[in-house]
PDB file of N, CA and C in Angstrom:
ATOM      1  N   MET A   1     102.446  88.229  57.235  1.00  0.00           N
ATOM      2  CA  MET A   1     102.941  86.881  57.666  1.00  0.00           C
ATOM      3  C   MET A   1     104.222  87.234  57.963  1.00  0.00           C
ATOM      4  N   GLU A   2     103.532  86.402  59.502  1.00  0.00           N
ATOM      5  CA  GLU A   2     105.054  86.608  60.738  1.00  0.00           C
ATOM      6  C   GLU A   2     105.609  85.123  60.847  1.00  0.00           C
ATOM      7  N   ILE A   3     107.051  85.097  60.843  1.00  0.00           N
ATOM      8  CA  ILE A   3     107.399  84.071  61.397  1.00  0.00           C
ATOM      9  C   ILE A   3     107.993  83.744  62.794  1.00  0.00           C
ATOM     10  N   THR A   4     107.200  83.844  64.021  1.00  0.00           N
ATOM     11  CA  THR A   4     107.621  83.591  65.021  1.00  0.00           C
ATOM     12  C   THR A   4     108.023  82.897  65.855  1.00  0.00           C
ATOM     13  N   GLY A   5     108.557  81.334  65.353  1.00  0.00           N
ATOM     14  CA  GLY A   5     109.151  80.693  66.058  1.00  0.00           C
ATOM     15  C   GLY A   5     109.688  79.600  64.865  1.00  0.00           C
ATOM     16  N   TYR A   6     110.777  79.037  64.865  1.00  0.00           N
ATOM     17  CA  TYR A   6     111.416  77.926  64.255  1.00  0.00           C
ATOM     18  C   TYR A   6     112.716  77.064  64.881  1.00  0.00           C
ATOM     19  N   THR A   7     112.134  75.547  65.412  1.00  0.00           N
ATOM     20  CA  THR A   7     113.475  74.958  65.544  1.00  0.00           C
ATOM     21  C   THR A   7     112.866  74.248  64.897  1.00  0.00           C
ATOM     22  N   PHE A   8     114.076  73.048  64.543  1.00  0.00           N
ATOM     23  CA  PHE A   8     114.218  71.652  63.780  1.00  0.00           C
ATOM     24  C   PHE A   8     113.054  70.386  63.442  1.00  0.00           C
ATOM     25  N   GLY A   9     112.128  70.828  62.444  1.00  0.00           N
ATOM     26  CA  GLY A   9     111.238  70.103  62.522  1.00  0.00           C
ATOM     27  C   GLY A   9     110.287  71.202  62.652  1.00  0.00           C
ATOM     28  N   LYS A  10     110.226  72.151  63.198  1.00  0.00           N
ATOM     29  CA  LYS A  10     108.604  73.382  63.707  1.00  0.00           C
ATOM     30  C   LYS A  10     108.494  74.408  62.995  1.00  0.00           C
ATOM     31  N   ILE A  11     107.876  74.981  62.642  1.00  0.00           N
ATOM     32  CA  ILE A  11     107.835  76.691  62.699  1.00  0.00           C
ATOM     33  C   ILE A  11     106.611  76.918  62.635  1.00  0.00           C
ATOM     34  N   THR A  12     106.252  78.129  63.669  1.00  0.00           N
ATOM     35  CA  THR A  12     105.115  78.680  63.562  1.00  0.00           C
ATOM     36  C   THR A  12     104.939  80.471  62.420  1.00  0.00           C
ATOM     37  N   VAL A  13     103.934  80.429  61.971  1.00  0.00           N
ATOM     38  CA  VAL A  13     103.597  81.572  61.360  1.00  0.00           C
ATOM     39  C   VAL A  13     102.145  82.407  61.872  1.00  0.00           C
ATOM     40  N   ASP A  14     102.150  83.128  61.930  1.00  0.00           N
ATOM     41  CA  ASP A  14     100.935  83.963  61.972  1.00  0.00           C
ATOM     42  C   ASP A  14     100.327  83.206  63.779  1.00  0.00           C
ATOM     43  N   GLY A  15     100.976  82.393  64.522  1.00  0.00           N
ATOM     44  CA  GLY A  15     100.685  81.964  65.387  1.00  0.00           C
ATOM     45  C   GLY A  15      99.926  80.100  65.169  1.00  0.00           C
ATOM     46  N   LYS A  16     100.040  80.476  63.525  1.00  0.00           N
ATOM     47  CA  LYS A  16      99.607  78.307  64.043  1.00  0.00           C
ATOM     48  C   LYS A  16     101.228  77.915  62.972  1.00  0.00           C
ATOM     49  N   ALA A  17     101.094  76.632  63.877  1.00  0.00           N
ATOM     50  CA  ALA A  17     102.215  75.713  63.509  1.00  0.00           C
ATOM     51  C   ALA A  17     102.341  74.430  62.953  1.00  0.00           C
ATOM     52  N   TYR A  18     103.313  74.352  61.921  1.00  0.00           N
ATOM     53  CA  TYR A  18     103.524  73.852  60.741  1.00  0.00           C
ATOM     54  C   TYR A  18     104.621  72.531  61.411  1.00  0.00           C
ATOM     55  N   THR A  19     104.387  71.536  60.968  1.00  0.00           N
ATOM     56  CA  THR A  19     105.792  70.348  61.143  1.00  0.00           C
ATOM     57  C   THR A  19     106.486  69.838  59.784  1.00  0.00           C
ATOM     58  N   GLY A  20     105.399  70.862  58.490  1.00  0.00           N
ATOM     59  CA  GLY A  20     105.999  69.649  57.495  1.00  0.00           C
ATOM     60  C   GLY A  20     107.069  71.201  56.373  1.00  0.00           C
ATOM     61  N   ASP A  21     107.677  71.256  55.857  1.00  0.00           N
ATOM     62  CA  ASP A  21     108.015  71.732  55.151  1.00  0.00           C
ATOM     63  C   ASP A  21     107.199  72.640  53.787  1.00  0.00           C
ATOM     64  N   LEU A  22     107.604  73.874  54.127  1.00  0.00           N
ATOM     65  CA  LEU A  22     105.790  74.930  53.070  1.00  0.00           C
ATOM     66  C   LEU A  22     106.690  75.786  52.672  1.00  0.00           C
ATOM     67  N   ILE A  23     105.589  76.585  51.779  1.00  0.00           N
ATOM     68  CA  ILE A  23     106.021  77.852  51.177  1.00  0.00           C
ATOM     69  C   ILE A  23     105.378  79.100  51.671  1.00  0.00           C
ATOM     70  N   ILE A  24     105.373  80.019  51.986  1.00  0.00           N
ATOM     71  CA  ILE A  24     105.219  81.055  52.716  1.00  0.00           C
ATOM     72  C   ILE A  24     104.568  81.991  51.425  1.00  0.00           C
ATOM     73  N   TYR A  25     103.822  82.119  51.613  1.00  0.00           N
ATOM     74  CA  TYR A  25     103.326  83.653  50.215  1.00  0.00           C
ATOM     75  C   TYR A  25     102.578  84.378  51.058  1.00  0.00           C
ATOM     76  N   PRO A  26     102.814  86.148  50.086  1.00  0.00           N
ATOM     77  CA  PRO A  26     101.947  86.871  51.054  1.00  0.00           C
ATOM     78  C   PRO A  26     100.769  86.958  51.990  1.00  0.00           C
ATOM     79  N   ASP A  27      99.958  86.101  50.766  1.00  0.00           N
ATOM     80  CA  ASP A  27      98.478  85.703  51.456  1.00  0.00           C
ATOM     81  C   ASP A  27      98.013  84.520  51.748  1.00  0.00           C
ATOM     82  N   ARG A  28      98.671  83.270  51.958  1.00  0.00           N
ATOM     83  CA  ARG A  28      98.880  82.528  52.242  1.00  0.00           C
ATOM     84  C   ARG A  28     100.120  81.167  52.340  1.00  0.00           C
ATOM     85  N   VAL A  29      99.702  80.526  53.328  1.00  0.00           N
ATOM     86  CA  VAL A  29     100.914  79.069  53.752  1.00  0.00           C
ATOM     87  C   VAL A  29     100.587  78.366  53.128  1.00  0.00           C
ATOM     88  N   GLU A  30     101.675  77.597  51.988  1.00  0.00           N
ATOM     89  CA  GLU A  30     101.270  76.048  51.496  1.00  0.00           C
ATOM     90  C   GLU A  30     102.229  75.102  52.347  1.00  0.00           C
ATOM     91  N   ALA A  31     101.601  74.490  52.923  1.00  0.00           N
ATOM     92  CA  ALA A  31     101.637  73.962  54.156  1.00  0.00           C
ATOM     93  C   ALA A  31     101.928  72.404  53.462  1.00  0.00           C
ATOM     94  N   SER A  32     103.147  71.426  53.417  1.00  0.00           N
ATOM     95  CA  SER A  32     103.059  69.790  53.079  1.00  0.00           C
ATOM     96  C   SER A  32     104.237  70.065  51.965  1.00  0.00           C
ATOM     97  N   TRP A  33     104.887  71.221  51.725  1.00  0.00           N
ATOM     98  CA  TRP A  33     105.605  71.321  50.294  1.00  0.00           C
ATOM     99  C   TRP A  33     106.290  70.206  50.283  1.00  0.00           C
ATOM    100  N   TRP A  34     106.688  69.352  49.128  1.00  0.00           N
ATOM    101  CA  TRP A  34     108.009  68.706  48.984  1.00  0.00           C
ATOM    102  C   TRP A  34     108.654  69.267  47.809  1.00  0.00           C
ATOM    103  N   ARG A  35     109.536  68.726  47.345  1.00  0.00           N
ATOM    104  CA  ARG A  35     110.540  68.685  46.266  1.00  0.00           C
ATOM    105  C   ARG A  35     110.579  67.137  45.351  1.00  0.00           C
ATOM    106  N   ARG A  36     110.538  66.846  44.730  1.00  0.00           N
ATOM    107  CA  ARG A  36     110.111  65.784  43.429  1.00  0.00           C
ATOM    108  C   ARG A  36     111.883  65.391  43.653  1.00  0.00           C
ATOM    109  N   GLU A  37     112.762  65.859  44.426  1.00  0.00           N
ATOM    110  CA  GLU A  37     114.140  64.946  44.880  1.00  0.00           C
ATOM    111  C   GLU A  37     114.334  65.372  46.013  1.00  0.00           C
ATOM    112  N   GLY A  38     113.515  65.439  46.946  1.00  0.00           N
ATOM    113  CA  GLY A  38     113.708  65.920  48.843  1.00  0.00           C
ATOM    114  C   GLY A  38     114.660  66.935  48.960  1.00  0.00           C
ATOM    115  N   HIS A  39     115.953  66.625  48.390  1.00  0.00           N
ATOM    116  CA  HIS A  39     117.188  67.886  48.754  1.00  0.00           C
ATOM    117  C   HIS A  39     118.164  68.499  48.091  1.00  0.00           C
ATOM    118  N   LEU A  40     117.048  68.345  46.678  1.00  0.00           N
ATOM    119  CA  LEU A  40     117.592  69.408  45.956  1.00  0.00           C
ATOM    120  C   LEU A  40     116.217  69.697  44.650  1.00  0.00           C
ATOM    121  N   LEU A  41     116.248  71.177  45.064  1.00  0.00           N
ATOM    122  CA  LEU A  41     115.353  72.257  44.766  1.00  0.00           C
ATOM    123  C   LEU A  41     115.488  72.659  43.271  1.00  0.00           C
ATOM    124  N   GLN A  42     114.739  72.064  42.724  1.00  0.00           N
ATOM    125  CA  GLN A  42     114.364  72.414  41.105  1.00  0.00           C
ATOM    126  C   GLN A  42     113.336  72.955  40.766  1.00  0.00           C
ATOM    127  N   PRO A  43     113.061  73.895  39.506  1.00  0.00           N
ATOM    128  CA  PRO A  43     112.279  74.948  38.971  1.00  0.00           C
ATOM    129  C   PRO A  43     111.203  73.847  39.162  1.00  0.00           C
ATOM    130  N   GLU A  44     110.798  72.888  38.398  1.00  0.00           N
ATOM    131  CA  GLU A  44     109.898  72.608  39.127  1.00  0.00           C
ATOM    132  C   GLU A  44     108.984  72.419  40.197  1.00  0.00           C
ATOM    133  N   ASP A  45     109.072  72.807  41.748  1.00  0.00           N
ATOM    134  CA  ASP A  45     109.415  72.327  42.536  1.00  0.00           C
ATOM    135  C   ASP A  45     108.545  73.888  42.932  1.00  0.00           C
ATOM    136  N   ILE A  46     109.583  75.019  42.374  1.00  0.00           N
ATOM    137  CA  ILE A  46     108.740  76.285  42.737  1.00  0.00           C
ATOM    138  C   ILE A  46     107.896  77.124  41.786  1.00  0.00           C
ATOM    139  N   SER A  47     107.247  75.992  40.725  1.00  0.00           N
ATOM    140  CA  SER A  47     106.462  76.376  39.510  1.00  0.00           C
ATOM    141  C   SER A  47     105.444  77.449  39.582  1.00  0.00           C
ATOM    142  N   ALA A  48     104.960  77.505  40.641  1.00  0.00           N
ATOM    143  CA  ALA A  48     103.691  78.404  40.841  1.00  0.00           C
ATOM    144  C   ALA A  48     104.448  79.903  41.970  1.00  0.00           C
ATOM    145  N   ILE A  49     105.652  79.955  42.021  1.00  0.00           N
ATOM    146  CA  ILE A  49     106.661  80.993  42.625  1.00  0.00           C
ATOM    147  C   ILE A  49     107.153  81.222  41.211  1.00  0.00           C
ATOM    148  N   LEU A  50     107.422  80.612  40.180  1.00  0.00           N
ATOM    149  CA  LEU A  50     107.870  81.489  39.046  1.00  0.00           C
ATOM    150  C   LEU A  50     106.945  81.833  38.146  1.00  0.00           C
ATOM    151  N   THR A  51     105.317  81.339  38.279  1.00  0.00           N
ATOM    152  CA  THR A  51     104.577  81.745  37.835  1.00  0.00           C
ATOM    153  C   THR A  51     103.813  82.962  37.898  1.00  0.00           C
ATOM    154  N   ASP A  52     103.856  83.517  39.348  1.00  0.00           N
ATOM    155  CA  ASP A  52     103.876  84.739  39.929  1.00  0.00           C
ATOM    156  C   ASP A  52     104.936  84.822  40.483  1.00  0.00           C
ATOM    157  N   PRO A  53     106.104  86.221  40.059  1.00  0.00           N
ATOM    158  CA  PRO A  53     107.157  85.930  40.926  1.00  0.00           C
ATOM    159  C   PRO A  53     106.799  87.188  42.299  1.00  0.00           C
ATOM    160  N   PRO A  54     107.765  86.684  43.051  1.00  0.00           N
ATOM    161  CA  PRO A  54     108.199  88.436  44.392  1.00  0.00           C
ATOM    162  C   PRO A  54     109.288  88.964  44.153  1.00  0.00           C
ATOM    163  N   ASP A  55     109.224  89.886  45.178  1.00  0.00           N
ATOM    164  CA  ASP A  55     110.502  90.870  45.196  1.00  0.00           C
ATOM    165  C   ASP A  55     111.777  89.574  45.413  1.00  0.00           C
ATOM    166  N   VAL A  56     111.114  88.916  46.255  1.00  0.00           N
ATOM    167  CA  VAL A  56     112.384  88.109  47.125  1.00  0.00           C
ATOM    168  C   VAL A  56     111.680  86.605  47.338  1.00  0.00           C
ATOM    169  N   LEU A  57     113.127  86.214  46.900  1.00  0.00           N
ATOM    170  CA  LEU A  57     112.571  84.583  47.065  1.00  0.00           C
ATOM    171  C   LEU A  57     113.816  83.947  48.302  1.00  0.00           C
ATOM    172  N   ILE A  58     112.927  83.847  49.683  1.00  0.00           N
ATOM    173  CA  ILE A  58     114.083  83.077  50.556  1.00  0.00           C
ATOM    174  C   ILE A  58     113.968  81.597  50.598  1.00  0.00           C
ATOM    175  N   ILE A  59     115.012  81.192  49.938  1.00  0.00           N
ATOM    176  CA  ILE A  59     115.133  79.624  50.511  1.00  0.00           C
ATOM    177  C   ILE A  59     115.833  79.278  52.077  1.00  0.00           C
ATOM    178  N   GLY A  60     115.069  77.873  52.799  1.00  0.00           N
ATOM    179  CA  GLY A  60     115.663  77.471  54.443  1.00  0.00           C
ATOM    180  C   GLY A  60     116.101  76.410  53.205  1.00  0.00           C
ATOM    181  N   THR A  61     117.224  76.518  53.479  1.00  0.00           N
ATOM    182  CA  THR A  61     118.174  74.583  53.301  1.00  0.00           C
ATOM    183  C   THR A  61     117.982  73.583  54.578  1.00  0.00           C
ATOM    184  N   GLY A  62     117.834  74.263  55.044  1.00  0.00           N
ATOM    185  CA  GLY A  62     116.731  72.718  56.601  1.00  0.00           C
ATOM    186  C   GLY A  62     118.270  73.527  57.490  1.00  0.00           C
ATOM    187  N   HIS A  63     117.385  72.952  58.536  1.00  0.00           N
ATOM    188  CA  HIS A  63     118.374  72.920  60.147  1.00  0.00           C
ATOM    189  C   HIS A  63     119.911  73.121  59.550  1.00  0.00           C
ATOM    190  N   ASP A  64     120.362  72.316  59.085  1.00  0.00           N
ATOM    191  CA  ASP A  64     121.925  71.940  58.629  1.00  0.00           C
ATOM    192  C   ASP A  64     122.212  72.096  57.386  1.00  0.00           C
ATOM    193  N   GLY A  65     121.485  72.837  56.767  1.00  0.00           N
ATOM    194  CA  GLY A  65     121.655  73.454  55.298  1.00  0.00           C
ATOM    195  C   GLY A  65     121.887  72.314  54.469  1.00  0.00           C
ATOM    196  N   VAL A  66     121.225  70.603  54.305  1.00  0.00           N
ATOM    197  CA  VAL A  66     121.505  69.805  53.518  1.00  0.00           C
ATOM    198  C   VAL A  66     120.848  69.986  52.204  1.00  0.00           C
ATOM    199  N   MET A  67     119.473  70.581  52.111  1.00  0.00           N
ATOM    200  CA  MET A  67     119.184  70.857  50.635  1.00  0.00           C
ATOM    201  C   MET A  67     119.812  71.945  50.072  1.00  0.00           C
ATOM    202  N   GLN A  68     120.067  71.312  48.851  1.00  0.00           N
ATOM    203  CA  GLN A  68     120.984  71.677  47.325  1.00  0.00           C
ATOM    204  C   GLN A  68     119.939  72.505  46.661  1.00  0.00           C
ATOM    205  N   VAL A  69     120.260  73.949  46.232  1.00  0.00           N
ATOM    206  CA  VAL A  69     119.188  74.866  44.728  1.00  0.00           C
ATOM    207  C   VAL A  69     119.762  74.563  43.339  1.00  0.00           C
ATOM    208  N   SER A  70     119.424  74.089  42.494  1.00  0.00           N
ATOM    209  CA  SER A  70     119.958  73.644  41.249  1.00  0.00           C
ATOM    210  C   SER A  70     120.609  75.333  40.834  1.00  0.00           C
ATOM    211  N   GLY A  71     121.178  74.747  40.390  1.00  0.00           N
ATOM    212  CA  GLY A  71     121.453  76.453  39.374  1.00  0.00           C
ATOM    213  C   GLY A  71     120.592  76.805  38.398  1.00  0.00           C
ATOM    214  N   ARG A  72     119.552  75.810  37.805  1.00  0.00           N
ATOM    215  CA  ARG A  72     118.549  76.131  37.346  1.00  0.00           C
ATOM    216  C   ARG A  72     117.564  77.194  37.791  1.00  0.00           C
ATOM    217  N   VAL A  73     116.841  77.257  38.933  1.00  0.00           N
ATOM    218  CA  VAL A  73     116.635  77.628  39.517  1.00  0.00           C
ATOM    219  C   VAL A  73     116.963  78.756  39.868  1.00  0.00           C
ATOM    220  N   LEU A  74     118.022  79.004  40.326  1.00  0.00           N
ATOM    221  CA  LEU A  74     118.459  80.282  40.630  1.00  0.00           C
ATOM    222  C   LEU A  74     118.882  81.722  38.826  1.00  0.00           C
ATOM    223  N   ASP A  75     118.686  80.342  37.707  1.00  0.00           N
ATOM    224  CA  ASP A  75     118.847  81.039  36.493  1.00  0.00           C
ATOM    225  C   ASP A  75     117.666  81.282  36.407  1.00  0.00           C
ATOM    226  N   ALA A  76     116.729  80.886  36.638  1.00  0.00           N
ATOM    227  CA  ALA A  76     114.979  80.986  36.500  1.00  0.00           C
ATOM    228  C   ALA A  76     114.778  82.385  37.041  1.00  0.00           C
ATOM    229  N   LEU A  77     115.062  82.450  38.416  1.00  0.00           N
ATOM    230  CA  LEU A  77     113.970  83.306  39.012  1.00  0.00           C
ATOM    231  C   LEU A  77     115.118  84.283  39.024  1.00  0.00           C
ATOM    232  N   ARG A  78     116.707  84.502  38.294  1.00  0.00           N
ATOM    233  CA  ARG A  78     116.903  85.391  38.458  1.00  0.00           C
ATOM    234  C   ARG A  78     116.502  86.416  36.950  1.00  0.00           C
ATOM    235  N   GLU A  79     116.313  85.844  36.166  1.00  0.00           N
ATOM    236  CA  GLU A  79     115.384  85.767  34.470  1.00  0.00           C
ATOM    237  C   GLU A  79     114.212  86.503  34.716  1.00  0.00           C
ATOM    238  N   LYS A  80     113.599  86.353  35.978  1.00  0.00           N
ATOM    239  CA  LYS A  80     112.307  86.867  36.402  1.00  0.00           C
ATOM    240  C   LYS A  80     112.165  88.164  37.420  1.00  0.00           C
ATOM    241  N   GLY A  81     114.036  88.614  37.621  1.00  0.00           N
ATOM    242  CA  GLY A  81     114.259  89.548  38.094  1.00  0.00           C
ATOM    243  C   GLY A  81     113.689  89.473  39.804  1.00  0.00           C
ATOM    244  N   VAL A  82     114.021  88.390  39.802  1.00  0.00           N
ATOM    245  CA  VAL A  82     113.996  88.319  41.801  1.00  0.00           C
ATOM    246  C   VAL A  82     115.215  88.255  42.197  1.00  0.00           C
ATOM    247  N   GLU A  83     115.316  88.698  43.210  1.00  0.00           N
ATOM    248  CA  GLU A  83     116.249  88.741  44.187  1.00  0.00           C
ATOM    249  C   GLU A  83     115.984  87.033  45.095  1.00  0.00           C
ATOM    250  N   VAL A  84     116.790  86.489  45.360  1.00  0.00           N
ATOM    251  CA  VAL A  84     117.052  85.232  46.176  1.00  0.00           C
ATOM    252  C   VAL A  84     118.447  84.797  46.450  1.00  0.00           C
ATOM    253  N   HIS A  85     117.929  84.184  48.116  1.00  0.00           N
ATOM    254  CA  HIS A  85     118.985  84.211  49.279  1.00  0.00           C
ATOM    255  C   HIS A  85     118.958  82.413  49.652  1.00  0.00           C
ATOM    256  N   ALA A  86     119.596  81.876  49.545  1.00  0.00           N
ATOM    257  CA  ALA A  86     119.365  80.324  49.959  1.00  0.00           C
ATOM    258  C   ALA A  86     120.329  80.312  51.377  1.00  0.00           C
ATOM    259  N   LEU A  87     119.558  79.886  52.332  1.00  0.00           N
ATOM    260  CA  LEU A  87     120.532  80.355  53.191  1.00  0.00           C
ATOM    261  C   LEU A  87     120.305  78.871  54.527  1.00  0.00           C
ATOM    262  N   LYS A  88     120.986  78.430  55.185  1.00  0.00           N
ATOM    263  CA  LYS A  88     120.708  77.469  56.293  1.00  0.00           C
ATOM    264  C   LYS A  88     119.037  78.136  57.024  1.00  0.00           C
ATOM    265  N   THR A  89     118.376  77.000  57.001  1.00  0.00           N
ATOM    266  CA  THR A  89     116.582  77.664  57.706  1.00  0.00           C
ATOM    267  C   THR A  89     116.437  79.384  58.577  1.00  0.00           C
ATOM    268  N   SER A  90     117.027  78.424  59.637  1.00  0.00           N
ATOM    269  CA  SER A  90     116.935  79.529  60.743  1.00  0.00           C
ATOM    270  C   SER A  90     117.584  81.081  60.590  1.00  0.00           C
ATOM    271  N   GLU A  91     118.694  81.077  59.824  1.00  0.00           N
ATOM    272  CA  GLU A  91     118.815  82.527  59.017  1.00  0.00           C
ATOM    273  C   GLU A  91     118.197  82.615  58.207  1.00  0.00           C
ATOM    274  N   ALA A  92     117.439  81.970  57.414  1.00  0.00           N
ATOM    275  CA  ALA A  92     116.778  82.844  56.258  1.00  0.00           C
ATOM    276  C   ALA A  92     114.695  82.842  57.005  1.00  0.00           C
ATOM    277  N   VAL A  93     114.693  82.354  57.967  1.00  0.00           N
ATOM    278  CA  VAL A  93     113.053  82.803  58.535  1.00  0.00           C
ATOM    279  C   VAL A  93     113.904  83.909  59.484  1.00  0.00           C
ATOM    280  N   LYS A  94     114.333  84.575  59.732  1.00  0.00           N
ATOM    281  CA  LYS A  94     115.673  86.435  60.239  1.00  0.00           C
ATOM    282  C   LYS A  94     115.220  86.669  58.994  1.00  0.00           C
ATOM    283  N   LEU A  95     116.061  86.534  58.140  1.00  0.00           N
ATOM    284  CA  LEU A  95     116.238  87.560  56.693  1.00  0.00           C
ATOM    285  C   LEU A  95     114.447  87.726  56.218  1.00  0.00           C
ATOM    286  N   PHE A  96     113.305  86.830  56.161  1.00  0.00           N
ATOM    287  CA  PHE A  96     112.084  87.189  56.013  1.00  0.00           C
ATOM    288  C   PHE A  96     111.767  87.949  56.288  1.00  0.00           C
ATOM    289  N   ASN A  97     111.614  87.581  57.643  1.00  0.00           N
ATOM    290  CA  ASN A  97     111.103  89.166  58.896  1.00  0.00           C
ATOM    291  C   ASN A  97     110.871  89.908  58.654  1.00  0.00           C
ATOM    292  N   ARG A  98     112.458  90.658  58.557  1.00  0.00           N
ATOM    293  CA  ARG A  98     113.355  91.630  57.570  1.00  0.00           C
ATOM    294  C   ARG A  98     112.735  92.023  56.127  1.00  0.00           C
ATOM    295  N   GLN A  99     112.947  91.029  56.011  1.00  0.00           N
ATOM    296  CA  GLN A  99     111.957  91.927  54.458  1.00  0.00           C
ATOM    297  C   GLN A  99     110.633  91.991  53.924  1.00  0.00           C
ATOM    298  N   TRP A 100     109.956  91.417  55.622  1.00  0.00           N
ATOM    299  CA  TRP A 100     108.643  91.575  55.623  1.00  0.00           C
ATOM    300  C   TRP A 100     108.197  93.352  56.345  1.00  0.00           C
ATOM    301  N   GLU A 101     109.418  93.310  57.399  1.00  0.00           N
ATOM    302  CA  GLU A 101     109.309  94.566  58.417  1.00  0.00           C
ATOM    303  C   GLU A 101     109.584  95.233  56.964  1.00  0.00           C
ATOM    304  N   ARG A 102     110.160  95.596  56.095  1.00  0.00           N
ATOM    305  CA  ARG A 102     110.749  96.212  54.796  1.00  0.00           C
ATOM    306  C   ARG A 102     109.611  97.140  54.142  1.00  0.00           C
ATOM    307  N   GLY A 103     108.258  95.901  53.995  1.00  0.00           N
ATOM    308  CA  GLY A 103     107.702  96.452  52.835  1.00  0.00           C
ATOM    309  C   GLY A 103     108.095  95.368  51.585  1.00  0.00           C
ATOM    310  N   LYS A 104     108.511  94.601  51.901  1.00  0.00           N
ATOM    311  CA  LYS A 104     109.337  93.769  50.222  1.00  0.00           C
ATOM    312  C   LYS A 104     108.021  93.090  50.432  1.00  0.00           C
ATOM    313  N   ARG A 105     107.519  92.036  48.696  1.00  0.00           N
ATOM    314  CA  ARG A 105     106.889  90.951  48.587  1.00  0.00           C
ATOM    315  C   ARG A 105     107.959  89.982  48.603  1.00  0.00           C
ATOM    316  N   ALA A 106     107.782  89.480  50.445  1.00  0.00           N
ATOM    317  CA  ALA A 106     108.982  88.147  49.746  1.00  0.00           C
ATOM    318  C   ALA A 106     107.880  87.209  49.941  1.00  0.00           C
ATOM    319  N   VAL A 107     108.479  85.875  49.360  1.00  0.00           N
ATOM    320  CA  VAL A 107     108.277  84.529  49.844  1.00  0.00           C
ATOM    321  C   VAL A 107     109.546  83.697  50.336  1.00  0.00           C
ATOM    322  N   ALA A 108     108.498  82.546  51.019  1.00  0.00           N
ATOM    323  CA  ALA A 108     109.985  81.734  51.870  1.00  0.00           C
ATOM    324  C   ALA A 108     109.840  80.225  51.154  1.00  0.00           C
ATOM    325  N   ALA A 109     110.454  79.899  50.756  1.00  0.00           N
ATOM    326  CA  ALA A 109     110.528  77.878  50.746  1.00  0.00           C
ATOM    327  C   ALA A 109     111.115  77.735  52.036  1.00  0.00           C
ATOM    328  N   LEU A 110     110.322  76.751  52.658  1.00  0.00           N
ATOM    329  CA  LEU A 110     111.551  76.282  53.479  1.00  0.00           C
ATOM    330  C   LEU A 110     111.509  74.968  53.821  1.00  0.00           C
ATOM    331  N   HIS A 111     112.306  74.262  53.645  1.00  0.00           N
ATOM    332  CA  HIS A 111     112.623  73.093  54.395  1.00  0.00           C
ATOM    333  C   HIS A 111     113.130  73.202  55.866  1.00  0.00           C
ATOM    334  N   LEU A 112     112.528  72.373  56.929  1.00  0.00           N
ATOM    335  CA  LEU A 112     112.629  72.653  58.020  1.00  0.00           C
ATOM    336  C   LEU A 112     113.127  71.372  58.635  1.00  0.00           C
ATOM    337  N   THR A 113     113.434  70.445  58.356  1.00  0.00           N
ATOM    338  CA  THR A 113     114.825  69.492  58.442  1.00  0.00           C
ATOM    339  C   THR A 113     116.225  69.372  57.960  1.00  0.00           C
ATOM    340  N   CYS A 114     117.174  68.349  58.376  1.00  0.00           N
ATOM    341  CA  CYS A 114     118.044  68.077  57.844  1.00  0.00           C
ATOM    342  C   CYS A 114     119.038  69.728  57.732  1.00  0.00           C
TER     343      CYS A 114
END
């Protein structure tokens, strides 16, 4: 999976454009991902990721970094040995691509606006 473009509200993954928040797994894209409380990421919002943890989870907090990550999310990921990064989405995209190039099993949960 490679992210080839990102602008406010739009992302291109492996040549396909998406306009909603999404999770990029090693083998698929979960389009139209949304959180229970929109701008607050909580453990239940990433339950599938916690069930089958990757090496690295990269969280895109939005164009301007508006989405917050609950401390419970960070604790749950660290308990499972997952390296986690929460960055503005443009930076998260760059990091995700670098992780894939290095052969890491990375997952990206990306908020595309705000």
